[in-house]
Amino acid sequence: MNSSRVFLSSFILVIAIVYLMLRGGGQGENIGELHLYCAANMRRPIEELAKNYFEKYKVTIEADYDGSGSLLGKLQTEARGSSKEKRGDLYLAADDSYIIKAREKGLVAESLPVAYMRPVIAVRKGNPKKIRSAEDLLGEGLKVAVCNPDQAAVGRSARRAFGESGLWSSLEKKVTVMKPKVTDLANDVKLGTVDAAIVWDSTVAMYPELEAVGDPLLDKEKVNVTLGVVSSSRDASSALRFARFVASKDVGLKAFSRHGFEVPDGDKWEETPELVVWSGGVNRLAIEASVKEFREREGVRVSTIFGGCGSLTAQMKPLWNKRGFPDVYFSCDRVYMDNVRDWYFSSEDVSETDMVILVPKGNPRKVKGLEDLGSDGMRLGVADPVKSALGRLTVDLLKKAGLYERVYSKVATKAGTADFLVNQIVISGDEELDAVIVYLANTVNVEDKVDILKIDHPAALASQPIAVSRISLRPQLARRFIAKILSPVSQKRFEGMGFRWQSDGKERSE
């Protein structure tokens, strides 16, 4: 009898686990449903992708279609509401300016590029009214429609395009219809309710009854369709998973392309991608928490290797174009990024740290500066110039200070990492070494156990750049990782570790 109960209980438990897995569990609240605020023009590809996603992963995508501005307003209202209200998980805007605004307000945490669009003039097939340009829309007897610029991205784009010429103010007085959704305007043209409307080029592609008329002013208004992940999503990793699905070049972007959208390049679809990050050892303590947060929020694997930058860059060459080559490289110093510049896109300087002299507590040898490191009987520890950026910078510093021959002759230890040198001073006192040259950022956890001496020379400085590999199979994921490293939260961590922040928070691109 007892064995039967145990079997029944185990069976029920297995069924429950399987059910939760099918509902899309694994992170967050295991909600099994995501709420997407979606610009109306993206309805067709999103409906196709939502159906596909549910069939594969049993996660329902509940979409709210409206103008980008109206949807942003809903997000703001939700953010001010009670925690019991349903909150959005994703926000697909027709123009990335809305995503930028949402990020500034703290409503969106991550963003993924999905498509490009341009505003055009939509007319019925055959262009019966012979409209050739935006100025023709002011013609006598024409019925013209535009979207409300405060509610829809295409209306905002049109207002921006025509603003300087004064055409917008004339058009505003002329329009007979102003609506919040671009698809409503396309339907009005299709039904003959209006003669022309300003819509997206991708909107016209959805309607065989319509054709597009270009205009030089409108042609300049190419916008980026961007998918944002809401900061307060009930299940961020699930939301990001669907976002990667939508922005994947072999699945989501193909759907957008089939529906008439111009699309960017994206990452291939992987349920659980792995990002490979190589970093100089000096950055380890400053980024460990950010790596953990990124891994958990994205629901991905992040493989990290920390070491001397000389050793790291030497290991890159045999891995070029092979599995295991780092997607992201975070260098100890600019010189080691420059050494591999052909393998990486342009980098961003994240931080900088000073080089300092570390001596045992009390400074028994009375070291005051670099010159004293050349004293008789001095036992100096430095980093290995072949394996480590610190070692190479130490050699360069001593040469520029005119002290290389005098001081380097006192080197008793060449270490692969600065951590080893710090430990020698902390643990051994003056029994092994009298002084070491390390980064200030290496000393943050031992400040009360040693004496730290400033080096008064402009070359006693290292900057830490970060970049994405040119052959990475996951460049979008890698760029989001870098965005995490450049975030305000990360900045506080770096500054708490003795670094000076150098980034303006925006990754550079070529």
Protein backbone atom coordinates (compact mmCIF):
# COMPACT_ATOMS: atom_id res chain seq x y z
CA MET A 1 0.00 0.00 0.00
CA ASN A 2 2.79 2.42 0.99
CA SER A 3 4.73 1.64 -2.20
CA SER A 4 1.60 2.41 -4.26
CA ARG A 5 1.24 5.78 -2.59
CA VAL A 6 4.90 6.56 -3.15
CA PHE A 7 4.54 5.62 -6.82
CA LEU A 8 1.40 7.78 -7.18
CA SER A 9 3.06 10.76 -5.48
CA SER A 10 6.14 10.43 -7.71
CA PHE A 11 3.97 10.19 -10.81
CA ILE A 12 2.04 13.35 -9.88
CA LEU A 13 5.31 15.18 -9.21
CA VAL A 14 6.70 14.21 -12.62
CA ILE A 15 3.49 15.38 -14.34
CA ALA A 16 3.69 18.70 -12.50
CA ILE A 17 7.31 19.23 -13.52
CA VAL A 18 6.58 18.42 -17.16
CA TYR A 19 3.62 20.83 -17.13
CA LEU A 20 5.77 23.65 -15.77
CA MET A 21 8.43 22.98 -18.40
CA LEU A 22 5.85 23.10 -21.16
CA ARG A 23 4.57 26.37 -19.77
CA GLY A 24 7.98 27.88 -20.44
CA GLY A 25 9.37 27.60 -16.91
CA GLY A 26 12.94 27.78 -15.77
CA GLN A 27 13.31 31.46 -14.86
CA GLY A 28 11.35 34.15 -13.07
CA GLU A 29 7.74 33.36 -12.29
CA ASN A 30 7.39 30.63 -14.97
CA ILE A 31 4.41 32.59 -16.27
CA GLY A 32 3.97 30.69 -19.55
CA GLU A 33 2.64 33.90 -21.10
CA LEU A 34 4.30 37.11 -22.25
CA HIS A 35 2.58 40.42 -22.85
CA LEU A 36 3.88 42.35 -25.87
CA TYR A 37 3.12 45.98 -26.61
CA CYS A 38 3.48 46.01 -30.39
CA ALA A 39 3.36 48.83 -32.95
CA ALA A 40 0.36 48.12 -35.22
CA ASN A 41 2.44 47.88 -38.39
CA MET A 42 4.26 44.78 -37.09
CA ARG A 43 1.08 42.77 -36.49
CA ARG A 44 1.43 40.24 -39.31
CA PRO A 45 5.01 39.06 -38.67
CA ILE A 46 4.45 39.06 -34.91
CA GLU A 47 1.28 36.96 -35.22
CA GLU A 48 3.18 34.46 -37.35
CA LEU A 49 6.09 34.32 -34.91
CA ALA A 50 3.86 34.12 -31.84
CA LYS A 51 2.04 31.12 -33.33
CA ASN A 52 5.35 29.47 -34.20
CA TYR A 53 6.76 30.14 -30.74
CA PHE A 54 3.73 28.70 -28.96
CA GLU A 55 3.87 25.54 -31.08
CA LYS A 56 7.53 25.03 -30.14
CA TYR A 57 7.71 26.20 -26.55
CA LYS A 58 4.10 26.42 -25.28
CA VAL A 59 4.51 30.07 -24.30
CA THR A 60 1.60 32.33 -25.23
CA ILE A 61 2.38 35.77 -26.65
CA GLU A 62 -0.46 38.13 -25.80
CA ALA A 63 -0.07 41.22 -27.99
CA ASP A 64 -1.54 44.70 -27.69
CA TYR A 65 -1.38 46.49 -31.09
CA ASP A 66 -1.42 50.28 -31.20
CA GLY A 67 0.68 53.29 -32.12
CA SER A 68 4.18 53.39 -30.63
CA GLY A 69 3.44 56.57 -28.66
CA SER A 70 0.19 55.20 -27.27
CA LEU A 71 1.94 52.01 -26.21
CA LEU A 72 4.69 53.96 -24.46
CA GLY A 73 1.96 55.79 -22.59
CA LYS A 74 0.51 52.47 -21.46
CA LEU A 75 3.91 51.35 -20.22
CA GLN A 76 4.26 54.55 -18.23
CA THR A 77 0.78 54.12 -16.75
CA GLU A 78 1.61 50.56 -15.73
CA ALA A 79 4.83 51.69 -14.09
CA ARG A 80 2.83 54.10 -11.93
CA GLY A 81 0.15 51.50 -11.14
CA SER A 82 -0.12 48.89 -8.40
CA SER A 83 1.91 45.69 -8.50
CA LYS A 84 -1.29 43.68 -9.02
CA GLU A 85 -1.82 45.14 -12.49
CA LYS A 86 -0.71 43.11 -15.49
CA ARG A 87 2.65 44.45 -16.62
CA GLY A 88 4.13 44.35 -20.09
CA ASP A 89 7.13 42.16 -20.81
CA LEU A 90 8.15 43.46 -24.25
CA TYR A 91 7.72 46.67 -26.27
CA LEU A 92 8.14 46.63 -30.07
CA ALA A 93 8.31 50.22 -31.30
CA ALA A 94 8.25 51.37 -34.90
CA ASP A 95 10.95 53.95 -34.17
CA ASP A 96 13.86 53.42 -31.77
CA SER A 97 13.40 56.97 -30.45
CA TYR A 98 10.55 55.55 -28.38
CA ILE A 99 12.83 52.82 -27.02
CA ILE A 100 15.46 55.43 -26.17
CA LYS A 101 12.85 57.44 -24.30
CA ALA A 102 11.62 54.28 -22.53
CA ARG A 103 15.19 53.46 -21.46
CA GLU A 104 15.71 56.98 -20.15
CA LYS A 105 12.60 56.55 -18.02
CA GLY A 106 13.83 53.17 -16.77
CA LEU A 107 10.98 51.30 -18.48
CA VAL A 108 13.13 49.23 -20.86
CA ALA A 109 16.37 47.46 -19.98
CA GLU A 110 17.54 45.78 -23.22
CA SER A 111 16.84 46.43 -26.90
CA LEU A 112 17.25 44.34 -30.06
CA PRO A 113 17.15 45.63 -33.67
CA VAL A 114 14.42 44.04 -35.77
CA ALA A 115 13.82 45.99 -39.00
CA TYR A 116 14.10 49.26 -40.91
CA MET A 117 11.25 51.32 -42.38
CA ARG A 118 10.75 54.53 -44.35
CA PRO A 119 7.60 56.62 -44.59
CA VAL A 120 5.97 56.79 -48.04
CA ILE A 121 2.78 58.10 -49.56
CA ALA A 122 0.26 55.29 -49.98
CA VAL A 123 -2.18 55.55 -52.93
CA ARG A 124 -4.51 53.11 -54.63
CA LYS A 125 -3.01 50.81 -57.25
CA GLY A 126 -2.46 52.73 -60.48
CA ASN A 127 -2.24 56.04 -58.61
CA PRO A 128 -5.53 57.42 -60.00
CA LYS A 129 -4.93 60.91 -58.55
CA LYS A 130 -1.43 61.09 -60.09
CA ILE A 131 0.30 62.00 -56.83
CA ARG A 132 4.07 62.29 -57.36
CA SER A 133 5.36 64.05 -54.25
CA ALA A 134 4.41 65.30 -50.82
CA GLU A 135 3.58 68.74 -52.21
CA ASP A 136 0.91 67.15 -54.41
CA LEU A 137 -0.95 66.18 -51.23
CA LEU A 138 -1.96 69.84 -50.89
CA GLY A 139 -3.84 69.71 -54.20
CA GLU A 140 -7.44 70.87 -54.40
CA GLY A 141 -10.06 68.24 -53.63
CA LEU A 142 -7.67 65.55 -52.34
CA LYS A 143 -8.56 63.64 -49.19
CA VAL A 144 -5.40 63.00 -47.21
CA ALA A 145 -4.76 61.10 -43.98
CA VAL A 146 -1.81 61.05 -41.56
CA CYS A 147 -1.20 59.46 -38.19
CA ASN A 148 -1.30 61.47 -35.02
CA PRO A 149 2.38 62.30 -34.36
CA ASP A 150 1.83 62.07 -30.61
CA GLN A 151 0.50 58.52 -30.89
CA ALA A 152 2.21 56.85 -33.86
CA ALA A 153 5.82 56.76 -35.02
CA VAL A 154 4.97 57.32 -38.70
CA GLY A 155 3.13 60.55 -37.83
CA ARG A 156 6.09 61.70 -35.80
CA SER A 157 8.43 60.81 -38.64
CA ALA A 158 6.32 62.74 -41.16
CA ARG A 159 6.22 65.78 -38.91
CA ARG A 160 10.00 65.62 -38.51
CA ALA A 161 10.53 65.25 -42.28
CA PHE A 162 8.26 68.14 -43.26
CA GLY A 163 8.89 70.42 -40.28
CA GLU A 164 11.70 72.61 -41.63
CA SER A 165 10.05 73.14 -45.03
CA GLY A 166 6.79 74.27 -43.44
CA LEU A 167 4.94 71.53 -45.31
CA TRP A 168 3.75 69.87 -42.11
CA SER A 169 1.75 72.86 -40.90
CA SER A 170 0.03 73.12 -44.31
CA LEU A 171 -0.59 69.37 -44.40
CA GLU A 172 -2.05 69.41 -40.89
CA LYS A 173 -4.69 71.90 -42.01
CA LYS A 174 -5.36 69.86 -45.12
CA VAL A 175 -5.80 66.37 -43.67
CA THR A 176 -9.31 65.04 -43.40
CA VAL A 177 -8.36 62.03 -41.25
CA MET A 178 -5.83 61.72 -38.40
CA LYS A 179 -5.71 58.35 -36.65
CA PRO A 180 -3.45 56.61 -34.10
CA LYS A 181 -2.72 53.44 -36.11
CA VAL A 182 -0.92 53.26 -39.43
CA THR A 183 -2.88 50.19 -40.53
CA ASP A 184 -6.11 52.16 -40.15
CA LEU A 185 -4.81 54.67 -42.71
CA ALA A 186 -3.85 51.91 -45.14
CA ASN A 187 -7.36 50.49 -44.90
CA ASP A 188 -8.85 53.94 -45.55
CA VAL A 189 -6.82 54.26 -48.76
CA LYS A 190 -7.74 50.71 -49.76
CA LEU A 191 -11.47 51.44 -49.28
CA GLY A 192 -11.25 54.81 -51.04
CA THR A 193 -12.24 56.78 -47.95
CA VAL A 194 -9.13 58.88 -48.55
CA ASP A 195 -7.00 59.40 -51.65
CA ALA A 196 -3.60 59.19 -49.98
CA ALA A 197 -1.97 58.63 -46.60
CA ILE A 198 1.54 58.73 -45.19
CA VAL A 199 2.38 55.23 -43.99
CA TRP A 200 5.43 52.95 -43.78
CA ASP A 201 6.86 51.29 -46.88
CA SER A 202 6.33 47.95 -45.14
CA THR A 203 2.65 48.84 -44.63
CA VAL A 204 2.13 49.25 -48.37
CA ALA A 205 3.80 45.87 -48.92
CA MET A 206 0.99 44.24 -46.92
CA TYR A 207 -1.75 45.56 -49.23
CA PRO A 208 -1.81 44.42 -52.88
CA GLU A 209 -4.42 47.12 -53.58
CA LEU A 210 -1.93 49.90 -52.76
CA GLU A 211 1.30 51.30 -54.16
CA ALA A 212 3.92 53.58 -52.66
CA VAL A 213 4.97 57.02 -53.84
CA GLY A 214 8.35 58.18 -52.58
CA ASP A 215 9.40 61.68 -51.61
CA PRO A 216 12.94 63.05 -51.06
CA LEU A 217 12.07 64.45 -47.63
CA LEU A 218 10.45 61.20 -46.49
CA ASP A 219 13.33 59.11 -47.87
CA LYS A 220 15.63 60.65 -45.24
CA GLU A 221 13.43 59.34 -42.44
CA LYS A 222 14.71 55.77 -42.23
CA VAL A 223 13.80 54.47 -38.77
CA ASN A 224 14.91 51.49 -36.73
CA VAL A 225 12.22 49.08 -35.58
CA THR A 226 13.42 48.00 -32.15
CA LEU A 227 12.22 45.44 -29.63
CA GLY A 228 12.68 46.40 -26.00
CA VAL A 229 12.54 44.15 -22.96
CA VAL A 230 10.62 45.81 -20.14
CA SER A 231 12.72 46.36 -17.01
CA SER A 232 9.95 45.09 -14.72
CA SER A 233 9.08 42.02 -16.81
CA ARG A 234 7.60 39.25 -14.67
CA ASP A 235 10.03 36.80 -16.29
CA ALA A 236 12.96 38.65 -17.86
CA SER A 237 14.79 35.56 -19.13
CA SER A 238 11.62 34.29 -20.84
CA ALA A 239 11.02 37.72 -22.36
CA LEU A 240 14.60 37.92 -23.61
CA ARG A 241 14.34 34.42 -25.04
CA PHE A 242 11.34 35.44 -27.15
CA ALA A 243 13.12 38.69 -28.07
CA ARG A 244 16.10 36.68 -29.36
CA PHE A 245 13.65 34.51 -31.31
CA VAL A 246 12.07 37.57 -32.96
CA ALA A 247 15.46 39.16 -33.72
CA SER A 248 17.12 35.95 -35.02
CA LYS A 249 18.28 36.09 -38.62
CA ASP A 250 17.24 32.55 -39.48
CA VAL A 251 13.74 32.65 -37.92
CA GLY A 252 12.30 35.97 -36.75
CA LEU A 253 13.93 38.31 -39.25
CA LYS A 254 12.99 35.99 -42.11
CA ALA A 255 9.35 36.41 -41.09
CA PHE A 256 9.71 40.19 -41.13
CA SER A 257 11.38 40.01 -44.53
CA ARG A 258 8.53 37.90 -45.93
CA HIS A 259 6.12 40.62 -44.84
CA GLY A 260 7.95 43.37 -46.71
CA PHE A 261 10.37 44.68 -44.10
CA GLU A 262 14.01 45.51 -44.63
CA VAL A 263 15.93 43.69 -41.90
CA PRO A 264 19.38 43.97 -40.28
CA ASP A 265 21.74 41.11 -39.59
CA GLY A 266 21.07 39.22 -36.38
CA ASP A 267 22.23 36.28 -34.32
CA LYS A 268 21.15 32.77 -35.28
CA TRP A 269 18.38 31.33 -33.14
CA GLU A 270 19.64 29.28 -30.18
CA GLU A 271 17.50 28.31 -27.23
CA THR A 272 20.41 28.78 -24.83
CA PRO A 273 23.37 30.49 -26.53
CA GLU A 274 26.82 30.58 -24.98
CA LEU A 275 28.88 33.76 -24.89
CA VAL A 276 32.66 33.42 -24.56
CA VAL A 277 34.31 36.32 -22.73
CA TRP A 278 38.06 36.73 -22.26
CA SER A 279 39.25 39.40 -19.88
CA GLY A 280 42.42 40.70 -18.37
CA GLY A 281 42.74 39.67 -14.74
CA VAL A 282 42.63 43.25 -13.47
CA ASN A 283 38.98 43.49 -14.53
CA ARG A 284 37.79 40.31 -12.83
CA LEU A 285 36.52 41.66 -9.51
CA ALA A 286 34.84 44.62 -11.21
CA ILE A 287 32.80 42.54 -13.66
CA GLU A 288 32.01 39.28 -11.84
CA ALA A 289 28.67 40.52 -10.47
CA SER A 290 27.68 41.99 -13.84
CA VAL A 291 28.48 38.71 -15.60
CA LYS A 292 26.30 36.82 -13.12
CA GLU A 293 23.40 39.27 -13.53
CA PHE A 294 23.66 39.15 -17.32
CA ARG A 295 23.70 35.34 -17.33
CA GLU A 296 20.63 35.11 -15.10
CA ARG A 297 18.55 37.82 -16.78
CA GLU A 298 19.30 36.65 -20.33
CA GLY A 299 18.99 32.97 -19.42
CA VAL A 300 22.21 32.16 -21.32
CA ARG A 301 25.60 30.62 -20.62
CA VAL A 302 28.62 32.90 -20.21
CA SER A 303 32.08 31.30 -20.24
CA THR A 304 34.77 33.58 -18.82
CA ILE A 305 38.55 33.29 -18.92
CA PHE A 306 40.66 35.75 -16.91
CA GLY A 307 44.40 36.05 -17.27
CA GLY A 308 47.38 38.10 -18.33
CA CYS A 309 46.62 39.88 -21.60
CA GLY A 310 49.88 38.80 -23.17
CA SER A 311 48.94 35.18 -22.60
CA LEU A 312 45.36 35.73 -23.73
CA THR A 313 46.26 37.39 -27.01
CA ALA A 314 48.86 34.70 -27.71
CA GLN A 315 46.14 32.06 -27.33
CA MET A 316 43.81 33.87 -29.75
CA LYS A 317 45.85 33.33 -32.90
CA PRO A 318 45.54 29.51 -33.10
CA LEU A 319 41.81 29.82 -32.33
CA TRP A 320 41.04 32.31 -35.11
CA ASN A 321 38.01 31.12 -37.10
CA LYS A 322 37.62 28.18 -34.73
CA ARG A 323 35.26 27.27 -31.92
CA GLY A 324 36.26 28.87 -28.66
CA PHE A 325 37.49 32.19 -30.05
CA PRO A 326 36.20 34.85 -27.63
CA ASP A 327 33.05 36.73 -28.61
CA VAL A 328 34.13 39.56 -26.31
CA TYR A 329 37.62 40.65 -25.29
CA PHE A 330 38.09 43.01 -22.33
CA SER A 331 41.71 44.07 -22.30
CA CYS A 332 43.93 45.14 -19.39
CA ASP A 333 45.29 47.98 -21.49
CA ARG A 334 44.82 49.63 -24.87
CA VAL A 335 48.11 48.26 -26.23
CA TYR A 336 46.81 44.68 -26.00
CA MET A 337 43.61 45.62 -27.79
CA ASP A 338 45.62 47.34 -30.51
CA ASN A 339 47.64 44.14 -30.95
CA VAL A 340 44.50 42.27 -32.05
CA ARG A 341 42.59 45.11 -33.68
CA ASP A 342 42.14 43.19 -36.95
CA TRP A 343 40.11 40.56 -35.10
CA TYR A 344 37.71 42.92 -33.34
CA PHE A 345 35.29 45.71 -34.13
CA SER A 346 36.19 49.14 -32.77
CA SER A 347 36.40 49.16 -29.01
CA GLU A 348 35.18 51.29 -26.15
CA ASP A 349 37.41 52.48 -23.31
CA VAL A 350 35.59 51.43 -20.16
CA SER A 351 37.92 52.50 -17.38
CA GLU A 352 41.47 53.31 -16.38
CA THR A 353 43.61 52.61 -13.34
CA ASP A 354 46.93 53.88 -12.08
CA MET A 355 50.05 51.81 -11.62
CA VAL A 356 51.34 52.00 -8.04
CA ILE A 357 54.14 50.68 -5.84
CA LEU A 358 53.06 48.28 -3.11
CA VAL A 359 55.28 47.77 -0.08
CA PRO A 360 54.84 45.91 3.24
CA LYS A 361 52.96 47.77 5.99
CA GLY A 362 55.20 50.41 7.51
CA ASN A 363 57.35 50.67 4.37
CA PRO A 364 60.50 49.24 5.99
CA ARG A 365 62.74 50.19 3.03
CA LYS A 366 61.40 53.78 3.07
CA VAL A 367 60.52 53.69 -0.62
CA LYS A 368 59.27 57.06 -1.88
CA GLY A 369 59.14 56.56 -5.65
CA LEU A 370 60.48 54.77 -8.72
CA GLU A 371 64.09 55.83 -8.15
CA ASP A 372 64.21 54.11 -4.78
CA LEU A 373 63.38 50.79 -6.47
CA GLY A 374 66.94 50.79 -7.83
CA SER A 375 68.53 50.92 -4.35
CA ASP A 376 71.20 48.39 -3.34
CA GLY A 377 69.72 45.15 -2.09
CA MET A 378 66.19 45.95 -3.31
CA ARG A 379 64.07 42.90 -4.09
CA LEU A 380 61.46 43.98 -6.63
CA GLY A 381 58.48 42.07 -7.98
CA VAL A 382 56.99 42.88 -11.39
CA ALA A 383 54.62 41.25 -13.82
CA ASP A 384 56.00 39.20 -16.70
CA PRO A 385 56.16 41.51 -19.77
CA VAL A 386 55.46 38.60 -22.13
CA LYS A 387 52.39 37.27 -20.34
CA SER A 388 50.97 40.40 -18.80
CA ALA A 389 49.94 43.90 -19.89
CA LEU A 390 51.09 45.14 -16.49
CA GLY A 391 54.54 43.68 -17.11
CA ARG A 392 54.85 45.35 -20.48
CA LEU A 393 53.59 48.66 -19.12
CA THR A 394 56.10 48.42 -16.27
CA VAL A 395 58.97 48.07 -18.74
CA ASP A 396 57.64 51.00 -20.82
CA LEU A 397 57.23 53.15 -17.68
CA LEU A 398 60.77 52.52 -16.47
CA LYS A 399 62.23 53.25 -19.91
CA LYS A 400 60.27 56.50 -20.23
CA ALA A 401 61.40 57.49 -16.73
CA GLY A 402 65.03 56.72 -17.64
CA LEU A 403 65.26 54.12 -14.88
CA TYR A 404 64.99 50.83 -16.74
CA GLU A 405 68.59 49.57 -16.38
CA ARG A 406 68.89 50.70 -12.78
CA VAL A 407 65.56 49.41 -11.51
CA TYR A 408 65.00 46.32 -13.64
CA SER A 409 68.28 44.87 -12.42
CA LYS A 410 66.61 44.61 -8.99
CA VAL A 411 63.77 42.40 -10.20
CA ALA A 412 63.64 39.22 -8.11
CA THR A 413 60.25 37.95 -9.31
CA LYS A 414 58.37 38.08 -12.60
CA ALA A 415 54.80 36.95 -12.07
CA GLY A 416 52.08 35.99 -14.54
CA THR A 417 49.47 38.01 -12.65
CA ALA A 418 49.33 41.04 -10.38
CA ASP A 419 47.37 39.04 -7.79
CA PHE A 420 50.43 36.90 -7.17
CA LEU A 421 52.54 40.00 -6.52
CA VAL A 422 49.98 41.47 -4.14
CA ASN A 423 49.83 38.21 -2.19
CA GLN A 424 53.62 38.14 -1.89
CA ILE A 425 53.55 41.49 -0.09
CA VAL A 426 50.48 40.74 2.03
CA ILE A 427 51.40 37.20 3.12
CA SER A 428 55.22 37.30 3.20
CA GLY A 429 55.71 40.90 4.29
CA ASP A 430 59.29 41.85 3.54
CA GLU A 431 60.58 38.29 3.75
CA GLU A 432 60.31 37.66 -0.01
CA LEU A 433 60.02 41.05 -1.69
CA ASP A 434 60.56 44.68 -0.69
CA ALA A 435 58.20 46.18 -3.27
CA VAL A 436 56.03 45.30 -6.26
CA ILE A 437 54.53 47.33 -9.10
CA VAL A 438 50.81 46.62 -9.61
CA TYR A 439 47.59 48.37 -10.59
CA LEU A 440 45.75 50.43 -8.00
CA ALA A 441 42.67 48.32 -8.83
CA ASN A 442 44.57 45.23 -7.58
CA THR A 443 44.86 46.71 -4.09
CA VAL A 444 41.22 47.42 -3.19
CA ASN A 445 40.92 44.44 -0.82
CA VAL A 446 44.30 44.87 0.89
CA GLU A 447 44.50 48.61 1.54
CA ASP A 448 44.72 48.11 5.32
CA LYS A 449 47.45 45.49 5.07
CA VAL A 450 50.01 47.28 2.88
CA ASP A 451 51.30 50.72 2.02
CA ILE A 452 50.41 52.05 -1.43
CA LEU A 453 52.73 54.58 -3.06
CA LYS A 454 51.67 56.77 -5.98
CA ILE A 455 53.95 56.81 -9.05
CA ASP A 456 54.40 60.37 -10.25
CA HIS A 457 54.71 59.77 -14.00
CA PRO A 458 52.14 60.11 -16.85
CA ALA A 459 53.02 56.64 -18.17
CA ALA A 460 51.90 54.99 -14.91
CA LEU A 461 48.44 54.40 -16.30
CA ALA A 462 46.46 51.60 -17.95
CA SER A 463 43.15 51.90 -19.82
CA GLN A 464 40.73 49.00 -20.24
CA PRO A 465 38.93 48.74 -23.62
CA ILE A 466 36.28 46.17 -24.58
CA ALA A 467 35.22 44.93 -28.03
CA VAL A 468 33.20 42.35 -29.98
CA SER A 469 34.93 39.81 -32.21
CA ARG A 470 34.48 40.19 -35.97
CA ILE A 471 33.75 36.46 -36.26
CA SER A 472 31.38 36.16 -33.31
CA LEU A 473 28.28 34.12 -34.13
CA ARG A 474 26.40 36.06 -31.46
CA PRO A 475 27.28 39.74 -32.07
CA GLN A 476 23.94 41.06 -30.81
CA LEU A 477 24.21 39.08 -27.59
CA ALA A 478 27.81 40.26 -27.25
CA ARG A 479 26.75 43.90 -27.68
CA ARG A 480 24.11 43.52 -25.00
CA PHE A 481 26.80 42.09 -22.72
CA ILE A 482 28.96 45.14 -23.38
CA ALA A 483 25.95 47.37 -22.69
CA LYS A 484 25.75 45.68 -19.29
CA ILE A 485 29.44 46.39 -18.66
CA LEU A 486 28.87 50.04 -19.65
CA SER A 487 25.79 50.44 -17.44
CA PRO A 488 25.58 52.84 -14.45
CA VAL A 489 25.44 49.88 -12.04
CA SER A 490 28.67 48.56 -13.52
CA GLN A 491 30.25 52.00 -13.30
CA LYS A 492 29.71 52.06 -9.53
CA ARG A 493 31.35 48.66 -9.25
CA PHE A 494 34.40 49.77 -11.20
CA GLU A 495 34.79 52.95 -9.20
CA GLY A 496 34.44 50.94 -5.98
CA MET A 497 37.37 48.80 -7.15
CA GLY A 498 39.72 51.73 -7.68
CA PHE A 499 39.11 52.38 -11.39
CA ARG A 500 38.27 55.72 -13.00
CA TRP A 501 35.31 55.49 -15.35
CA GLN A 502 35.97 56.49 -18.96
CA SER A 503 32.90 55.36 -20.88
CA ASP A 504 29.93 57.53 -21.77
CA GLY A 505 27.82 54.35 -21.75
CA LYS A 506 27.64 53.97 -25.53
CA GLU A 507 29.49 51.27 -27.41
CA ARG A 508 31.41 52.52 -30.43
CA SER A 509 30.83 50.90 -33.81
CA GLU A 510 32.61 51.06 -37.14
